[in-house]
Amino acid sequence: MSKIADYLRDKLVGEVSTDGVVRADFAHDGSIFEEAPQLVIFPRTTNDVRKTIRFTWRLAERGQTLPITARGGGTSTTGAAIGRGAIMSFPAHMSRILELDTKAQMVRVQPGLNFAGLQEAMATHGLFLPTISEDFKVATIGGALASNVGGTKSVKYGTLRDWTDRLEVVLANGEIIQTGALTKHELSAKKGLQTMEGEIYRGLDALIDDHMEAISNFASGPALNAGGFAIDLVKSQDGSFDLTPLLVGSQGTLGLITQAIIRLAPRPDEVSLIAAAITAEQDLATLTEQLLALEPSELEFIDGETLKLIENKGGGAAWKHVSNKRPDTLIFIEFDDKHRARKTKKAAQILDQAAVVDMQMTNDWEEQEILRSIHHSVAVITNFSERGTAALPIAPDLAVAPAQVPELVRAIKKLLRRNHIDGGIWGHLGAGVVSVRPLLNLANLGQRQAVFKFLGELLGAIKELNGSMSGEFGDGRLLAPAAAEQYGEKMTEIFTKIKAIFDPFGTLNPGVITGTTRDDLLGMLRQDYREDRFFELHLRG
């Protein structure tokens, strides 16, 4: 490996490290897995990325595979930011805002750009990227694009895919392409190219035409699903074609994103916030549907038993800012548009009619921060570590229809009790995304086995509700073994073919989304887990 490192040092502007301490640092991400890379590359330019990938392609042609894994902030909870070959870490150098068009409300960025840094810079222009919560302090744009991340505001604004206009991508052979919407005529021209780009357009178009029924059925699945490949969004009925939605969410398995053009929105001057204590006697499913009709910018929840767990783990009783009695569910409703006063009043009426007694409403920023501190208290669970026991991110983004969230929460609590596991439950009520954090000790053999047993039971519960195990953060390695069970044999076969079209030698983040077995994961399980480095990502689920 030293010869490869020396060769790359000679060719690249950025740095290449084989240092054991550096490699150990990059052996972990925000998941429960570990895999030490052989070397870590810190590219300075797109040309560095191109040269590296071209080199690995030539190695693969000679039968020697050096996998490449793109990495941003290392916050992936699914094991998508670790790999046994070369880690390509973007934040060190490729982390700039390259261009901003305030009139068009678009920004061109590099993948290593810290998300919080982007939001702070855009705020000076009265703009923001609304789909992702501002609590993502560690995550990068590249990592968020790779996993098609959503957040607290996804109920109104969707996921990052909805705000991505076009991408610059380095393909598996080192070619650089620009993605964007193509007309039928432009697609025909692309298919005529005698390059890998041409091969991809030809292969993908044929694959879609050959499997239209299966792809259509996949598209009619859960409303919020970040799993698999978004092949259903590539080709429109009018024949137009766009690789962008496919590459967003592909977790570095189809190409490496080196630039992105992102759409922005006007930043709201003020928001209105309601926190309400819901009892078991009140119909949360009906309340959810009624509140969603008002188009809130956030609709979040924390389960009451989770509030008790937070209190027991030393987090205090922050919920007392809303109610003297610990609620069965605590919900948070935000409105950020010009009609927020009317909508807030209407939301209060809906809650009153449902006999909700305890609620707090405010337009004041400081008062809102007090209410948000309740929401942020879930960090007590995500950061919990005691004698090897920690809250494991094995199900951070289960997704169902919003009105089914209460039913899913009941099923999860039943599974936790049956397995004698404590755990936290919270999430994006309005988007139908539920985060589950079971408290387990990975050093304990029985509890290591319980990880996959619990995952399997969750998958069964999700299938009964026609939901998804991957509502927000992608499949990664964590859920790759369950691909056939989640999406069916046919769609799994289509995913495998998509991977082969883009990455015939399997050098781009192999084992992510497809190609990993449960036995593979057992061999990668960490002996312990601590959130430390990644806690900011999970402050609000």
Protein backbone atom coordinates (compact mmCIF):
# COMPACT_ATOMS: atom_id res chain seq x y z
CA MET A 1 0.00 0.00 0.00
CA SER A 2 2.97 2.31 0.56
CA LYS A 3 3.73 2.23 -3.18
CA ILE A 4 0.16 3.26 -4.01
CA ALA A 5 0.31 6.04 -1.43
CA ASP A 6 3.64 7.28 -2.81
CA TYR A 7 2.26 7.24 -6.36
CA LEU A 8 -0.81 9.25 -5.33
CA ARG A 9 1.30 11.73 -3.34
CA ASP A 10 3.28 12.38 -6.48
CA LYS A 11 0.16 12.95 -8.60
CA LEU A 12 -2.18 14.83 -6.26
CA VAL A 13 -2.16 18.36 -4.88
CA GLY A 14 -3.89 17.19 -1.70
CA GLU A 15 -2.44 15.01 1.02
CA VAL A 16 -2.36 11.21 1.31
CA SER A 17 -1.94 9.56 4.71
CA THR A 18 -1.24 5.97 5.74
CA ASP A 19 -0.55 6.95 9.35
CA GLY A 20 -2.06 4.45 11.78
CA VAL A 21 -3.58 7.12 14.01
CA VAL A 22 -5.27 8.83 11.03
CA ARG A 23 -6.55 5.53 9.70
CA ALA A 24 -7.93 4.60 13.13
CA ASP A 25 -9.72 7.95 13.34
CA PHE A 26 -11.42 7.30 10.01
CA ALA A 27 -12.37 3.72 10.94
CA HIS A 28 -15.59 4.98 12.57
CA ASP A 29 -18.52 7.10 11.54
CA GLY A 30 -21.79 7.69 13.40
CA SER A 31 -22.81 4.05 13.01
CA ILE A 32 -22.25 0.94 15.13
CA PHE A 33 -19.67 -0.39 12.66
CA GLU A 34 -15.93 -0.01 12.18
CA GLU A 35 -13.64 -0.60 9.22
CA ALA A 36 -10.10 0.77 9.07
CA PRO A 37 -9.13 2.18 5.65
CA GLN A 38 -5.78 1.49 4.04
CA LEU A 39 -5.19 5.16 3.34
CA VAL A 40 -6.91 8.53 3.69
CA ILE A 41 -6.87 11.13 0.90
CA PHE A 42 -7.58 14.83 1.44
CA PRO A 43 -8.30 16.13 -2.11
CA ARG A 44 -7.84 19.83 -2.85
CA THR A 45 -9.45 19.90 -6.28
CA THR A 46 -11.87 18.00 -8.49
CA ASN A 47 -8.81 16.99 -10.48
CA ASP A 48 -7.44 15.22 -7.39
CA VAL A 49 -10.68 13.23 -7.19
CA ARG A 50 -10.57 12.48 -10.91
CA LYS A 51 -6.93 11.31 -10.82
CA THR A 52 -7.51 9.09 -7.79
CA ILE A 53 -10.59 7.41 -9.22
CA ARG A 54 -8.96 7.00 -12.62
CA PHE A 55 -6.03 5.29 -10.86
CA THR A 56 -8.34 2.89 -8.97
CA TRP A 57 -10.11 2.10 -12.24
CA ARG A 58 -6.80 1.11 -13.85
CA LEU A 59 -5.95 -1.02 -10.84
CA ALA A 60 -9.33 -2.74 -11.13
CA GLU A 61 -8.73 -3.43 -14.82
CA ARG A 62 -5.66 -5.39 -13.70
CA GLY A 63 -7.61 -7.29 -11.05
CA GLN A 64 -6.58 -5.22 -8.02
CA THR A 65 -9.46 -3.47 -6.26
CA LEU A 66 -8.95 -0.39 -4.10
CA PRO A 67 -12.39 0.75 -2.94
CA ILE A 68 -13.08 4.49 -2.64
CA THR A 69 -15.38 5.90 0.04
CA ALA A 70 -16.32 9.59 0.01
CA ARG A 71 -16.59 11.13 3.47
CA GLY A 72 -17.90 14.41 4.80
CA GLY A 73 -18.43 14.96 8.52
CA GLY A 74 -18.45 11.22 9.25
CA THR A 75 -21.93 11.37 10.74
CA SER A 76 -23.53 8.52 8.81
CA THR A 77 -25.58 6.33 11.14
CA THR A 78 -25.75 3.58 8.50
CA GLY A 79 -22.03 2.90 8.03
CA ALA A 80 -21.84 4.64 4.66
CA ALA A 81 -18.79 6.79 5.54
CA ILE A 82 -16.32 4.00 6.35
CA GLY A 83 -14.54 1.58 4.02
CA ARG A 84 -11.61 -0.79 3.81
CA GLY A 85 -9.84 0.89 0.90
CA ALA A 86 -9.26 4.61 0.49
CA ILE A 87 -11.27 7.23 2.34
CA MET A 88 -11.60 10.49 0.41
CA SER A 89 -12.21 13.19 3.02
CA PHE A 90 -13.59 16.45 1.60
CA PRO A 91 -13.91 18.88 4.54
CA ALA A 92 -10.19 19.66 4.80
CA HIS A 93 -9.97 21.52 1.47
CA MET A 94 -13.04 21.14 -0.75
CA SER A 95 -15.38 23.04 1.53
CA ARG A 96 -16.06 26.37 -0.16
CA ILE A 97 -19.04 28.30 -1.41
CA LEU A 98 -18.04 28.82 -5.04
CA GLU A 99 -20.84 31.03 -6.30
CA LEU A 100 -24.04 32.64 -5.04
CA ASP A 101 -26.85 34.04 -7.17
CA THR A 102 -29.13 35.86 -4.76
CA LYS A 103 -31.57 36.83 -7.51
CA ALA A 104 -32.05 33.25 -8.68
CA GLN A 105 -31.70 32.03 -5.06
CA MET A 106 -29.12 29.37 -5.94
CA VAL A 107 -25.70 28.54 -4.56
CA ARG A 108 -22.84 26.42 -5.95
CA VAL A 109 -20.89 24.57 -3.28
CA GLN A 110 -18.20 21.95 -2.73
CA PRO A 111 -19.09 18.73 -0.88
CA GLY A 112 -16.97 19.33 2.22
CA LEU A 113 -18.82 22.52 3.12
CA ASN A 114 -20.16 22.39 6.66
CA PHE A 115 -23.93 22.72 6.64
CA ALA A 116 -24.03 25.15 9.55
CA GLY A 117 -21.46 27.31 7.77
CA LEU A 118 -23.64 27.42 4.66
CA GLN A 119 -26.70 28.44 6.68
CA GLU A 120 -24.78 31.20 8.47
CA ALA A 121 -23.44 32.56 5.19
CA MET A 122 -26.83 32.48 3.51
CA ALA A 123 -28.51 34.17 6.48
CA THR A 124 -26.54 37.36 5.69
CA HIS A 125 -28.37 37.42 2.35
CA GLY A 126 -31.79 36.65 3.83
CA LEU A 127 -31.74 33.09 2.45
CA PHE A 128 -31.54 29.54 3.81
CA LEU A 129 -31.66 25.90 2.77
CA PRO A 130 -34.91 24.95 4.51
CA THR A 131 -35.10 21.21 4.19
CA ILE A 132 -32.44 20.44 6.82
CA SER A 133 -32.62 21.55 10.44
CA GLU A 134 -30.08 24.12 11.56
CA ASP A 135 -29.09 21.67 14.29
CA PHE A 136 -26.96 19.76 11.78
CA LYS A 137 -23.73 21.32 13.04
CA VAL A 138 -21.30 18.58 12.01
CA ALA A 139 -22.78 17.33 8.74
CA THR A 140 -21.49 18.45 5.34
CA ILE A 141 -23.40 19.19 2.17
CA GLY A 142 -21.76 16.26 0.41
CA GLY A 143 -22.79 13.81 3.11
CA ALA A 144 -26.30 15.25 3.21
CA LEU A 145 -26.58 14.91 -0.57
CA ALA A 146 -25.23 11.38 -0.47
CA SER A 147 -27.97 10.31 1.94
CA ASN A 148 -30.73 12.66 0.72
CA VAL A 149 -31.13 13.97 4.24
CA GLY A 150 -34.28 15.63 5.48
CA GLY A 151 -34.92 17.01 8.94
CA THR A 152 -37.38 18.78 11.15
CA LYS A 153 -38.61 20.94 8.27
CA SER A 154 -39.06 18.10 5.78
CA VAL A 155 -42.81 18.12 6.53
CA LYS A 156 -43.06 21.35 4.51
CA TYR A 157 -39.90 21.51 2.45
CA GLY A 158 -39.15 17.89 1.58
CA THR A 159 -35.65 16.42 1.47
CA LEU A 160 -32.41 17.75 0.03
CA ARG A 161 -33.16 16.03 -3.28
CA ASP A 162 -36.05 18.45 -3.75
CA TRP A 163 -33.65 21.41 -3.53
CA THR A 164 -30.81 20.07 -5.69
CA ASP A 165 -30.66 21.54 -9.18
CA ARG A 166 -27.60 19.85 -10.67
CA LEU A 167 -24.36 18.12 -9.76
CA GLU A 168 -20.77 17.73 -10.88
CA VAL A 169 -19.87 14.07 -10.47
CA VAL A 170 -16.74 12.00 -11.01
CA LEU A 171 -17.67 8.59 -12.45
CA ALA A 172 -16.02 5.28 -11.59
CA ASN A 173 -13.54 5.58 -14.48
CA GLY A 174 -12.55 9.18 -13.67
CA GLU A 175 -14.82 10.94 -16.17
CA ILE A 176 -16.38 14.16 -14.95
CA ILE A 177 -20.01 14.79 -15.84
CA GLN A 178 -22.58 17.47 -15.14
CA THR A 179 -26.09 16.29 -14.33
CA GLY A 180 -29.32 18.14 -14.95
CA ALA A 181 -32.68 17.82 -16.64
CA LEU A 182 -32.46 16.67 -20.28
CA THR A 183 -35.11 16.85 -22.95
CA LYS A 184 -35.85 13.75 -24.99
CA HIS A 185 -33.66 15.15 -27.77
CA GLU A 186 -30.81 15.93 -25.39
CA LEU A 187 -31.07 12.43 -23.93
CA SER A 188 -30.68 10.98 -27.41
CA ALA A 189 -27.50 13.00 -27.87
CA LYS A 190 -26.12 11.77 -24.54
CA LYS A 191 -26.86 8.17 -25.47
CA GLY A 192 -24.78 8.67 -28.60
CA LEU A 193 -21.61 9.54 -26.65
CA GLN A 194 -18.81 6.98 -26.89
CA THR A 195 -17.85 7.50 -23.27
CA MET A 196 -18.82 6.03 -19.93
CA GLU A 197 -21.40 8.80 -19.62
CA GLY A 198 -22.97 7.57 -22.86
CA GLU A 199 -22.91 3.98 -21.59
CA ILE A 200 -24.69 5.04 -18.40
CA TYR A 201 -27.45 6.88 -20.25
CA ARG A 202 -27.93 3.97 -22.67
CA GLY A 203 -27.91 1.33 -19.95
CA LEU A 204 -30.13 3.22 -17.56
CA ASP A 205 -32.71 4.17 -20.17
CA ALA A 206 -32.96 0.55 -21.32
CA LEU A 207 -33.20 -0.68 -17.73
CA ILE A 208 -36.07 1.68 -16.99
CA ASP A 209 -37.94 0.70 -20.15
CA ASP A 210 -37.47 -3.01 -19.38
CA HIS A 211 -38.74 -2.76 -15.81
CA MET A 212 -41.33 0.01 -15.89
CA GLU A 213 -43.95 -1.91 -13.89
CA ALA A 214 -41.61 -2.85 -11.04
CA ILE A 215 -40.23 0.70 -10.89
CA SER A 216 -43.74 2.13 -10.88
CA ASN A 217 -44.69 -0.15 -7.97
CA PHE A 218 -41.55 0.97 -6.11
CA ALA A 219 -42.58 4.60 -6.66
CA SER A 220 -45.98 3.95 -5.09
CA GLY A 221 -44.39 2.77 -1.84
CA PRO A 222 -43.92 4.84 1.34
CA ALA A 223 -44.22 8.58 0.84
CA LEU A 224 -40.85 9.21 2.49
CA ASN A 225 -38.20 6.66 1.55
CA ALA A 226 -34.48 7.36 1.31
CA GLY A 227 -33.62 3.71 0.74
CA GLY A 228 -32.38 1.99 -2.40
CA PHE A 229 -31.78 4.00 -5.58
CA ALA A 230 -34.34 6.59 -6.71
CA ILE A 231 -34.63 5.10 -10.17
CA ASP A 232 -38.32 6.06 -10.27
CA LEU A 233 -37.39 9.77 -10.43
CA VAL A 234 -35.00 9.59 -13.38
CA LYS A 235 -37.32 9.43 -16.40
CA SER A 236 -40.52 11.43 -16.75
CA GLN A 237 -43.56 10.51 -18.81
CA ASP A 238 -42.60 13.09 -21.45
CA GLY A 239 -39.26 11.32 -21.96
CA SER A 240 -37.16 13.91 -20.11
CA PHE A 241 -34.30 12.47 -18.09
CA ASP A 242 -32.26 13.56 -15.08
CA LEU A 243 -29.55 11.67 -13.20
CA THR A 244 -29.55 14.18 -10.34
CA PRO A 245 -32.27 12.57 -8.19
CA LEU A 246 -30.65 9.16 -8.67
CA LEU A 247 -27.21 10.33 -7.55
CA VAL A 248 -28.63 12.23 -4.58
CA GLY A 249 -29.15 9.50 -1.99
CA SER A 250 -26.81 6.98 -3.65
CA GLN A 251 -24.30 7.29 -0.80
CA GLY A 252 -21.23 7.48 -3.01
CA THR A 253 -21.89 4.15 -4.73
CA LEU A 254 -22.54 5.51 -8.26
CA GLY A 255 -20.15 8.45 -8.43
CA LEU A 256 -18.47 11.07 -6.25
CA ILE A 257 -20.12 14.48 -6.02
CA THR A 258 -17.55 17.28 -6.32
CA GLN A 259 -19.89 20.24 -6.76
CA ALA A 260 -23.60 20.89 -6.31
CA ILE A 261 -25.96 23.68 -7.27
CA ILE A 262 -28.58 24.01 -4.54
CA ARG A 263 -31.78 26.04 -4.55
CA LEU A 264 -32.47 28.31 -1.60
CA ALA A 265 -35.53 29.96 -0.06
CA PRO A 266 -36.15 33.34 1.60
CA ARG A 267 -35.33 33.09 5.28
CA PRO A 268 -38.42 33.79 7.45
CA ASP A 269 -38.15 36.86 9.62
CA GLU A 270 -40.14 35.27 12.43
CA VAL A 271 -41.70 31.95 13.30
CA SER A 272 -44.46 30.92 15.69
CA LEU A 273 -44.03 27.87 17.91
CA ILE A 274 -46.45 25.75 19.92
CA ALA A 275 -45.53 22.99 22.35
CA ALA A 276 -48.44 20.83 23.49
CA ALA A 277 -48.83 17.96 25.95
CA ILE A 278 -50.93 15.12 24.52
CA THR A 279 -52.52 12.44 26.69
CA ALA A 280 -53.22 8.82 25.80
CA GLU A 281 -56.96 9.60 25.68
CA GLN A 282 -56.50 12.08 22.83
CA ASP A 283 -56.41 10.89 19.22
CA LEU A 284 -52.93 11.86 18.05
CA ALA A 285 -53.49 10.38 14.57
CA THR A 286 -56.50 12.65 13.97
CA LEU A 287 -54.69 15.63 15.49
CA THR A 288 -51.77 14.99 13.14
CA GLU A 289 -54.01 15.08 10.06
CA GLN A 290 -55.75 18.24 11.23
CA LEU A 291 -52.50 20.04 12.00
CA LEU A 292 -50.92 18.97 8.71
CA ALA A 293 -53.78 20.67 6.87
CA LEU A 294 -52.38 23.98 8.21
CA GLU A 295 -49.03 23.31 6.46
CA PRO A 296 -46.69 23.72 9.43
CA SER A 297 -42.96 24.13 8.85
CA GLU A 298 -42.30 21.68 11.69
CA LEU A 299 -44.42 19.04 13.41
CA GLU A 300 -42.28 17.03 15.83
CA PHE A 301 -42.87 14.67 18.74
CA ILE A 302 -41.20 13.03 21.71
CA ASP A 303 -42.78 9.97 23.30
CA GLY A 304 -43.72 10.29 26.96
CA GLU A 305 -41.75 7.21 28.04
CA THR A 306 -38.74 8.78 26.36
CA LEU A 307 -39.25 11.94 28.44
CA LYS A 308 -39.20 9.68 31.51
CA LEU A 309 -36.00 8.01 30.28
CA ILE A 310 -34.39 11.42 29.71
CA GLU A 311 -35.31 12.39 33.27
CA ASN A 312 -33.94 9.13 34.68
CA LYS A 313 -30.65 9.56 32.83
CA GLY A 314 -30.05 12.94 34.38
CA GLY A 315 -31.68 15.17 31.81
CA GLY A 316 -34.15 16.79 34.18
CA ALA A 317 -37.83 17.43 33.51
CA ALA A 318 -37.69 20.08 30.81
CA TRP A 319 -41.25 19.14 29.83
CA LYS A 320 -42.42 21.06 32.91
CA HIS A 321 -42.13 24.21 30.81
CA VAL A 322 -45.31 22.91 29.15
CA SER A 323 -47.09 20.72 31.69
CA ASN A 324 -46.88 19.91 35.39
CA LYS A 325 -47.63 16.29 34.57
CA ARG A 326 -45.37 14.35 32.22
CA PRO A 327 -47.33 13.98 28.94
CA ASP A 328 -47.84 10.75 27.03
CA THR A 329 -46.59 12.58 23.95
CA LEU A 330 -45.13 16.04 23.58
CA ILE A 331 -45.57 17.71 20.18
CA PHE A 332 -43.98 20.82 18.67
CA ILE A 333 -45.65 22.82 15.90
CA GLU A 334 -43.93 25.63 13.99
CA PHE A 335 -45.30 28.01 11.35
CA ASP A 336 -42.93 30.18 9.33
CA ASP A 337 -45.01 31.83 6.58
CA LYS A 338 -46.85 35.13 6.41
CA HIS A 339 -50.05 33.47 7.64
CA ARG A 340 -48.41 32.12 10.79
CA ALA A 341 -50.58 34.20 13.19
CA ARG A 342 -53.79 32.84 11.69
CA LYS A 343 -52.43 29.31 11.52
CA THR A 344 -51.19 29.41 15.09
CA LYS A 345 -54.63 30.51 16.25
CA LYS A 346 -56.27 27.75 14.24
CA ALA A 347 -53.84 25.15 15.61
CA ALA A 348 -54.67 26.26 19.14
CA GLN A 349 -58.36 25.86 18.36
CA ILE A 350 -57.76 22.33 17.05
CA LEU A 351 -55.89 21.44 20.24
CA ASP A 352 -58.61 23.01 22.39
CA GLN A 353 -61.29 21.02 20.60
CA ALA A 354 -59.30 17.85 21.29
CA ALA A 355 -59.30 18.78 25.02
CA VAL A 356 -55.56 19.45 25.08
CA VAL A 357 -55.12 21.42 28.30
CA ASP A 358 -51.39 22.12 28.49
CA MET A 359 -49.77 24.06 25.68
CA GLN A 360 -47.38 26.96 25.25
CA MET A 361 -47.50 29.33 22.26
CA THR A 362 -44.97 32.05 21.49
CA ASN A 363 -43.55 34.28 18.77
CA ASP A 364 -40.66 35.36 21.00
CA TRP A 365 -37.27 33.90 20.07
CA GLU A 366 -36.01 33.50 23.64
CA GLU A 367 -39.22 31.80 24.74
CA GLN A 368 -38.99 29.53 21.71
CA GLU A 369 -35.46 28.55 22.71
CA ILE A 370 -36.81 27.39 26.08
CA LEU A 371 -39.37 25.19 24.32
CA ARG A 372 -36.80 23.93 21.84
CA SER A 373 -34.55 22.95 24.74
CA ILE A 374 -37.17 20.32 25.58
CA HIS A 375 -36.86 18.95 22.08
CA HIS A 376 -33.08 19.10 22.24
CA SER A 377 -33.12 17.09 25.46
CA VAL A 378 -33.16 13.89 23.41
CA ALA A 379 -29.39 14.48 23.23
CA VAL A 380 -29.33 13.07 26.78
CA ILE A 381 -30.19 9.73 25.17
CA THR A 382 -28.08 10.01 22.01
CA ASN A 383 -25.05 10.93 24.15
CA PHE A 384 -25.72 8.37 26.86
CA SER A 385 -22.85 6.03 27.66
CA GLU A 386 -22.58 4.10 30.90
CA ARG A 387 -20.49 0.97 31.47
CA GLY A 388 -20.54 0.17 27.77
CA THR A 389 -24.27 0.70 27.30
CA ALA A 390 -25.19 3.37 24.75
CA ALA A 391 -28.14 4.44 22.64
CA LEU A 392 -27.45 2.73 19.32
CA PRO A 393 -28.47 4.38 16.02
CA ILE A 394 -29.84 1.22 14.45
CA ALA A 395 -33.24 2.65 13.54
CA PRO A 396 -32.92 6.44 13.30
CA ASP A 397 -35.38 6.99 10.48
CA LEU A 398 -38.28 4.57 10.25
CA ALA A 399 -40.99 6.05 8.04
CA VAL A 400 -44.75 5.55 7.73
CA ALA A 401 -47.69 7.72 6.78
CA PRO A 402 -47.87 10.53 9.40
CA ALA A 403 -51.23 9.40 10.81
CA GLN A 404 -49.70 5.95 11.41
CA VAL A 405 -46.92 7.25 13.66
CA PRO A 406 -48.87 6.56 16.90
CA GLU A 407 -49.49 2.99 15.76
CA LEU A 408 -45.80 2.53 14.90
CA VAL A 409 -44.75 3.96 18.27
CA ARG A 410 -47.03 1.50 20.06
CA ALA A 411 -45.50 -1.38 18.07
CA ILE A 412 -41.96 -0.21 18.85
CA LYS A 413 -42.66 0.06 22.58
CA LYS A 414 -44.13 -3.43 22.53
CA LEU A 415 -40.93 -4.75 20.89
CA LEU A 416 -38.72 -2.91 23.38
CA ARG A 417 -40.64 -4.40 26.32
CA ARG A 418 -40.60 -7.89 24.82
CA ASN A 419 -36.83 -7.71 24.39
CA HIS A 420 -36.31 -6.11 27.82
CA ILE A 421 -34.62 -3.08 26.24
CA ASP A 422 -34.83 0.56 27.23
CA GLY A 423 -34.95 3.01 24.35
CA GLY A 424 -35.84 6.48 23.18
CA ILE A 425 -38.49 7.27 20.58
CA TRP A 426 -39.01 10.64 18.90
CA GLY A 427 -39.17 12.06 15.41
CA HIS A 428 -40.79 14.09 12.67
CA LEU A 429 -44.49 13.51 13.27
CA GLY A 430 -45.52 15.55 10.23
CA ALA A 431 -43.20 13.67 7.87
CA GLY A 432 -43.92 10.28 9.43
CA VAL A 433 -40.30 9.64 10.47
CA VAL A 434 -39.65 7.90 13.78
CA SER A 435 -36.24 7.60 15.45
CA VAL A 436 -35.63 4.65 17.78
CA ARG A 437 -32.54 4.45 19.96
CA PRO A 438 -32.32 1.18 21.96
CA LEU A 439 -29.87 1.17 24.88
CA LEU A 440 -27.55 -1.80 24.36
CA ASN A 441 -23.98 -2.86 25.18
CA LEU A 442 -22.02 -3.99 22.13
CA ALA A 443 -19.40 -5.64 24.34
CA ASN A 444 -22.06 -8.09 25.51
CA LEU A 445 -22.44 -11.01 23.10
CA GLY A 446 -26.14 -11.44 23.80
CA GLN A 447 -26.84 -7.77 23.24
CA ARG A 448 -24.76 -7.75 20.04
CA GLN A 449 -27.07 -10.46 18.74
CA ALA A 450 -30.05 -8.48 19.99
CA VAL A 451 -29.15 -5.66 17.58
CA PHE A 452 -30.06 -7.73 14.53
CA LYS A 453 -32.96 -9.50 16.21
CA PHE A 454 -34.50 -6.13 17.09
CA LEU A 455 -33.83 -4.80 13.57
CA GLY A 456 -35.60 -7.80 12.08
CA GLU A 457 -38.62 -7.30 14.33
CA LEU A 458 -38.74 -3.60 13.43
CA LEU A 459 -38.71 -4.52 9.76
CA GLY A 460 -41.70 -6.79 10.33
CA ALA A 461 -43.60 -3.97 12.07
CA ILE A 462 -42.72 -1.52 9.30
CA LYS A 463 -43.86 -3.90 6.56
CA GLU A 464 -47.25 -4.28 8.22
CA LEU A 465 -47.69 -0.51 7.97
CA ASN A 466 -46.33 -0.33 4.39
CA GLY A 467 -43.49 1.85 5.65
CA SER A 468 -39.76 2.14 5.16
CA MET A 469 -36.75 1.42 7.35
CA SER A 470 -34.93 4.26 5.59
CA GLY A 471 -37.02 7.40 5.74
CA GLU A 472 -34.21 9.90 5.98
CA PHE A 473 -30.62 8.64 6.08
CA GLY A 474 -30.43 5.89 3.44
CA ASP A 475 -29.70 2.18 3.74
CA GLY A 476 -25.91 2.32 4.01
CA ARG A 477 -24.40 -0.95 5.16
CA LEU A 478 -26.80 -1.28 8.06
CA LEU A 479 -29.87 -2.14 5.97
CA ALA A 480 -28.23 -3.56 2.84
CA PRO A 481 -28.81 -7.19 3.98
CA ALA A 482 -32.53 -6.45 4.24
CA ALA A 483 -32.85 -4.99 0.73
CA ALA A 484 -34.75 -7.95 -0.73
CA GLU A 485 -37.11 -8.06 2.24
CA GLN A 486 -37.71 -4.31 2.10
CA TYR A 487 -38.00 -3.79 -1.65
CA GLY A 488 -38.58 -7.29 -3.04
CA GLU A 489 -36.32 -9.51 -5.12
CA LYS A 490 -37.15 -7.68 -8.36
CA MET A 491 -36.23 -4.20 -7.15
CA THR A 492 -33.12 -5.52 -5.44
CA GLU A 493 -32.08 -7.03 -8.77
CA ILE A 494 -32.70 -3.65 -10.45
CA PHE A 495 -30.59 -1.90 -7.79
CA THR A 496 -27.77 -4.36 -8.47
CA LYS A 497 -27.99 -3.65 -12.20
CA ILE A 498 -27.91 0.12 -11.58
CA LYS A 499 -24.76 -0.35 -9.53
CA ALA A 500 -23.18 -2.42 -12.31
CA ILE A 501 -23.99 0.23 -14.95
CA PHE A 502 -22.28 2.98 -12.96
CA ASP A 503 -19.57 0.94 -11.25
CA PRO A 504 -18.71 -2.25 -13.14
CA PHE A 505 -15.62 -3.03 -11.04
CA GLY A 506 -17.33 -2.31 -7.72
CA THR A 507 -14.80 0.26 -6.54
CA LEU A 508 -17.23 2.94 -5.29
CA ASN A 509 -18.24 2.36 -1.66
CA PRO A 510 -18.90 -1.38 -2.12
CA GLY A 511 -21.28 -2.98 0.35
CA VAL A 512 -23.42 0.13 0.73
CA ILE A 513 -27.11 -0.19 -0.31
CA THR A 514 -26.34 -3.55 -1.96
CA GLY A 515 -23.75 -6.31 -1.59
CA THR A 516 -23.53 -6.72 2.20
CA THR A 517 -24.68 -9.73 4.22
CA ARG A 518 -25.60 -9.96 7.88
CA ASP A 519 -22.41 -11.98 8.48
CA ASP A 520 -20.40 -9.12 6.98
CA LEU A 521 -22.00 -6.74 9.47
CA LEU A 522 -21.37 -9.04 12.43
CA GLY A 523 -17.68 -8.86 11.61
CA MET A 524 -17.80 -5.06 11.51
CA LEU A 525 -19.66 -4.43 14.77
CA ARG A 526 -17.84 -2.15 17.18
CA GLN A 527 -17.07 -3.35 20.69
CA ASP A 528 -18.42 -0.12 22.09
CA TYR A 529 -20.31 2.92 20.88
CA ARG A 530 -20.15 6.55 21.91
CA GLU A 531 -21.96 9.42 20.28
CA ASP A 532 -19.46 12.12 21.41
CA ARG A 533 -18.31 13.29 18.04
CA PHE A 534 -21.69 13.21 16.37
CA PHE A 535 -24.14 14.37 19.03
CA GLU A 536 -25.02 17.59 17.26
CA LEU A 537 -26.43 15.70 14.30
CA HIS A 538 -29.03 14.04 16.49
CA LEU A 539 -30.16 16.88 18.70
CA ARG A 540 -33.51 16.85 16.97
CA GLY A 541 -33.63 13.39 15.50
